[in-house]
């Protein structure tokens, strides 16, 4: 179940790795492929790091989109279909970070809702019936 919930995140990083590979940025390919490994850590900070990386990835896609539109306009070539495709990739990349809203992943990464968590008992606060 957890792997299925994380599939959009993994696919977003795979698409970013392919993009960087196409442009010859091998360091960013490595970052894009290795960063999702922190999902195995199951710590509170993991969703924040992943979401930040996805936002940065969306900015990379936006930069690519603007460059592509400029190039195609200068060449007199159509650009609207490419803009729709890259716009969809931007939305998908940003939306994939929303998987951490699910109650399952909130539990996995220690970010349960206040309503989901039970109040912590303080020492000596438990009440036994026979006392």
C-alpha atoms as a PDB file:
ATOM      1  CA  UNK A   1       0.000   0.000   0.000  1.00  0.00           C
ATOM      2  CA  UNK A   2       2.782   2.436   0.936  1.00  0.00           C
ATOM      3  CA  UNK A   3       4.648   1.807  -2.321  1.00  0.00           C
ATOM      4  CA  UNK A   4       1.477   2.499  -4.312  1.00  0.00           C
ATOM      5  CA  UNK A   5       0.997   5.786  -2.483  1.00  0.00           C
ATOM      6  CA  UNK A   6       4.583   6.778  -3.216  1.00  0.00           C
ATOM      7  CA  UNK A   7       4.471   5.861  -6.928  1.00  0.00           C
ATOM      8  CA  UNK A   8       3.684   9.433  -8.089  1.00  0.00           C
ATOM      9  CA  UNK A   9       6.677  10.729  -6.123  1.00  0.00           C
ATOM     10  CA  UNK A  10       8.965   8.063  -7.564  1.00  0.00           C
ATOM     11  CA  UNK A  11       7.698   8.701 -11.089  1.00  0.00           C
ATOM     12  CA  UNK A  12       8.257  12.459 -10.686  1.00  0.00           C
ATOM     13  CA  UNK A  13      11.885  11.894  -9.711  1.00  0.00           C
ATOM     14  CA  UNK A  14      12.334   9.402 -12.552  1.00  0.00           C
ATOM     15  CA  UNK A  15      11.013  11.978 -15.050  1.00  0.00           C
ATOM     16  CA  UNK A  16      13.375  14.593 -13.609  1.00  0.00           C
ATOM     17  CA  UNK A  17      16.289  12.161 -13.910  1.00  0.00           C
ATOM     18  CA  UNK A  18      15.416  11.531 -17.573  1.00  0.00           C
ATOM     19  CA  UNK A  19      15.192  15.279 -18.193  1.00  0.00           C
ATOM     20  CA  UNK A  20      18.592  15.912 -16.625  1.00  0.00           C
ATOM     21  CA  UNK A  21      20.074  12.949 -18.499  1.00  0.00           C
ATOM     22  CA  UNK A  22      18.840  14.391 -21.804  1.00  0.00           C
ATOM     23  CA  UNK A  23      20.542  17.680 -20.950  1.00  0.00           C
ATOM     24  CA  UNK A  24      23.767  15.981 -19.823  1.00  0.00           C
ATOM     25  CA  UNK A  25      23.609  16.951 -16.151  1.00  0.00           C
ATOM     26  CA  UNK A  26      24.818  13.707 -14.617  1.00  0.00           C
ATOM     27  CA  UNK A  27      25.091  15.105 -11.093  1.00  0.00           C
ATOM     28  CA  UNK A  28      21.402  16.032 -11.159  1.00  0.00           C
ATOM     29  CA  UNK A  29      20.580  12.612 -12.605  1.00  0.00           C
ATOM     30  CA  UNK A  30      22.256  11.084  -9.573  1.00  0.00           C
ATOM     31  CA  UNK A  31      20.466  13.433  -7.180  1.00  0.00           C
ATOM     32  CA  UNK A  32      17.116  12.689  -8.827  1.00  0.00           C
ATOM     33  CA  UNK A  33      17.655   8.949  -8.595  1.00  0.00           C
ATOM     34  CA  UNK A  34      19.163   8.849  -5.101  1.00  0.00           C
ATOM     35  CA  UNK A  35      17.014  11.410  -3.280  1.00  0.00           C
ATOM     36  CA  UNK A  36      13.933   9.138  -3.155  1.00  0.00           C
ATOM     37  CA  UNK A  37      15.998   6.679  -1.101  1.00  0.00           C
ATOM     38  CA  UNK A  38      15.448   8.915   1.928  1.00  0.00           C
ATOM     39  CA  UNK A  39      11.834   7.707   1.820  1.00  0.00           C
ATOM     40  CA  UNK A  40      13.186   4.577   3.490  1.00  0.00           C
ATOM     41  CA  UNK A  41      14.215   6.593   6.571  1.00  0.00           C
ATOM     42  CA  UNK A  42      10.635   7.084   7.833  1.00  0.00           C
ATOM     43  CA  UNK A  43      11.438  10.255   9.757  1.00  0.00           C
ATOM     44  CA  UNK A  44       9.324  13.387  10.254  1.00  0.00           C
ATOM     45  CA  UNK A  45      11.584  15.512   8.056  1.00  0.00           C
ATOM     46  CA  UNK A  46      11.447  13.190   5.019  1.00  0.00           C
ATOM     47  CA  UNK A  47       8.160  14.517   3.551  1.00  0.00           C
ATOM     48  CA  UNK A  48       9.426  18.095   3.840  1.00  0.00           C
ATOM     49  CA  UNK A  49      12.650  17.322   1.990  1.00  0.00           C
ATOM     50  CA  UNK A  50      10.826  15.385  -0.730  1.00  0.00           C
ATOM     51  CA  UNK A  51       8.197  18.108  -1.142  1.00  0.00           C
ATOM     52  CA  UNK A  52      10.874  20.791  -1.361  1.00  0.00           C
ATOM     53  CA  UNK A  53      12.716  18.781  -4.004  1.00  0.00           C
ATOM     54  CA  UNK A  54       9.484  18.342  -5.965  1.00  0.00           C
ATOM     55  CA  UNK A  55       8.811  22.098  -5.872  1.00  0.00           C
ATOM     56  CA  UNK A  56      12.355  22.718  -7.113  1.00  0.00           C
ATOM     57  CA  UNK A  57      11.739  20.099  -9.807  1.00  0.00           C
ATOM     58  CA  UNK A  58       8.560  21.914 -10.845  1.00  0.00           C
ATOM     59  CA  UNK A  59      10.592  25.126 -11.184  1.00  0.00           C
ATOM     60  CA  UNK A  60      13.030  23.240 -13.420  1.00  0.00           C
ATOM     61  CA  UNK A  61      10.118  22.115 -15.581  1.00  0.00           C
ATOM     62  CA  UNK A  62       8.773  25.682 -15.668  1.00  0.00           C
ATOM     63  CA  UNK A  63      12.177  26.998 -16.736  1.00  0.00           C
ATOM     64  CA  UNK A  64      12.315  24.355 -19.458  1.00  0.00           C
ATOM     65  CA  UNK A  65       8.808  25.288 -20.581  1.00  0.00           C
ATOM     66  CA  UNK A  66       9.670  28.970 -20.890  1.00  0.00           C
ATOM     67  CA  UNK A  67      12.845  28.161 -22.820  1.00  0.00           C
ATOM     68  CA  UNK A  68      10.962  25.829 -25.142  1.00  0.00           C
ATOM     69  CA  UNK A  69       8.245  28.408 -25.847  1.00  0.00           C
ATOM     70  CA  UNK A  70      10.857  31.091 -26.608  1.00  0.00           C
ATOM     71  CA  UNK A  71      12.826  28.802 -28.915  1.00  0.00           C
ATOM     72  CA  UNK A  72       9.782  27.647 -30.825  1.00  0.00           C
ATOM     73  CA  UNK A  73       8.369  31.156 -31.183  1.00  0.00           C
ATOM     74  CA  UNK A  74      11.692  32.376 -32.600  1.00  0.00           C
ATOM     75  CA  UNK A  75      11.708  29.498 -35.070  1.00  0.00           C
ATOM     76  CA  UNK A  76       8.050  30.040 -35.984  1.00  0.00           C
ATOM     77  CA  UNK A  77       7.153  26.538 -34.858  1.00  0.00           C
ATOM     78  CA  UNK A  78       4.035  25.574 -32.894  1.00  0.00           C
ATOM     79  CA  UNK A  79       4.528  25.445 -29.128  1.00  0.00           C
ATOM     80  CA  UNK A  80       1.057  25.049 -27.583  1.00  0.00           C
ATOM     81  CA  UNK A  81       0.997  21.239 -27.522  1.00  0.00           C
ATOM     82  CA  UNK A  82       4.427  21.123 -25.898  1.00  0.00           C
ATOM     83  CA  UNK A  83       3.269  23.731 -23.380  1.00  0.00           C
ATOM     84  CA  UNK A  84       0.244  21.612 -22.462  1.00  0.00           C
ATOM     85  CA  UNK A  85       2.428  18.524 -22.034  1.00  0.00           C
ATOM     86  CA  UNK A  86       5.055  20.274 -19.900  1.00  0.00           C
ATOM     87  CA  UNK A  87       2.331  22.096 -17.977  1.00  0.00           C
ATOM     88  CA  UNK A  88       0.829  18.711 -17.151  1.00  0.00           C
ATOM     89  CA  UNK A  89       4.229  17.478 -15.980  1.00  0.00           C
ATOM     90  CA  UNK A  90       4.535  20.546 -13.732  1.00  0.00           C
ATOM     91  CA  UNK A  91       1.104  19.918 -12.203  1.00  0.00           C
ATOM     92  CA  UNK A  92       1.866  16.202 -11.759  1.00  0.00           C
ATOM     93  CA  UNK A  93       5.206  16.957 -10.093  1.00  0.00           C
ATOM     94  CA  UNK A  94       3.611  19.402  -7.655  1.00  0.00           C
ATOM     95  CA  UNK A  95       0.592  17.173  -7.001  1.00  0.00           C
ATOM     96  CA  UNK A  96       2.777  14.149  -6.277  1.00  0.00           C
ATOM     97  CA  UNK A  97       3.966  15.897  -3.122  1.00  0.00           C
ATOM     98  CA  UNK A  98       0.393  15.821  -1.842  1.00  0.00           C
ATOM     99  CA  UNK A  99       0.586  12.062  -1.244  1.00  0.00           C
ATOM    100  CA  UNK A 100       1.966  12.852   2.204  1.00  0.00           C
ATOM    101  CA  UNK A 101      -1.473  14.139   3.211  1.00  0.00           C
ATOM    102  CA  UNK A 102      -2.766  10.554   3.317  1.00  0.00           C
ATOM    103  CA  UNK A 103      -3.293   9.176   6.810  1.00  0.00           C
ATOM    104  CA  UNK A 104      -1.186   6.128   5.974  1.00  0.00           C
ATOM    105  CA  UNK A 105       1.879   8.160   5.049  1.00  0.00           C
ATOM    106  CA  UNK A 106       1.287  10.547   7.947  1.00  0.00           C
ATOM    107  CA  UNK A 107       1.562   7.553  10.283  1.00  0.00           C
ATOM    108  CA  UNK A 108       4.602   6.163   8.471  1.00  0.00           C
ATOM    109  CA  UNK A 109       6.484   9.441   8.712  1.00  0.00           C
ATOM    110  CA  UNK A 110       5.320  10.335  12.221  1.00  0.00           C
ATOM    111  CA  UNK A 111       3.058  13.208  11.250  1.00  0.00           C
ATOM    112  CA  UNK A 112      -0.295  11.938  12.519  1.00  0.00           C
ATOM    113  CA  UNK A 113      -3.213  14.324  12.838  1.00  0.00           C
ATOM    114  CA  UNK A 114      -3.959  15.707  16.273  1.00  0.00           C
ATOM    115  CA  UNK A 115      -7.270  13.861  16.156  1.00  0.00           C
ATOM    116  CA  UNK A 116      -5.444  10.617  15.293  1.00  0.00           C
ATOM    117  CA  UNK A 117      -3.026  10.757  18.197  1.00  0.00           C
ATOM    118  CA  UNK A 118      -3.780   9.883  21.757  1.00  0.00           C
ATOM    119  CA  UNK A 119      -2.649  12.172  24.560  1.00  0.00           C
ATOM    120  CA  UNK A 120       0.498  11.039  26.249  1.00  0.00           C
ATOM    121  CA  UNK A 121       0.097   9.793  29.775  1.00  0.00           C
ATOM    122  CA  UNK A 122       2.217  11.432  32.415  1.00  0.00           C
ATOM    123  CA  UNK A 123       3.760   9.255  35.121  1.00  0.00           C
ATOM    124  CA  UNK A 124       1.349   8.713  37.970  1.00  0.00           C
ATOM    125  CA  UNK A 125      -1.677   9.902  35.998  1.00  0.00           C
ATOM    126  CA  UNK A 126      -3.066   6.443  35.276  1.00  0.00           C
ATOM    127  CA  UNK A 127      -5.891   5.407  37.489  1.00  0.00           C
ATOM    128  CA  UNK A 128      -6.339   1.790  38.524  1.00  0.00           C
ATOM    129  CA  UNK A 129      -9.747   0.708  39.820  1.00  0.00           C
ATOM    130  CA  UNK A 130      -8.504  -1.111  42.898  1.00  0.00           C
ATOM    131  CA  UNK A 131      -6.486   1.745  44.406  1.00  0.00           C
END
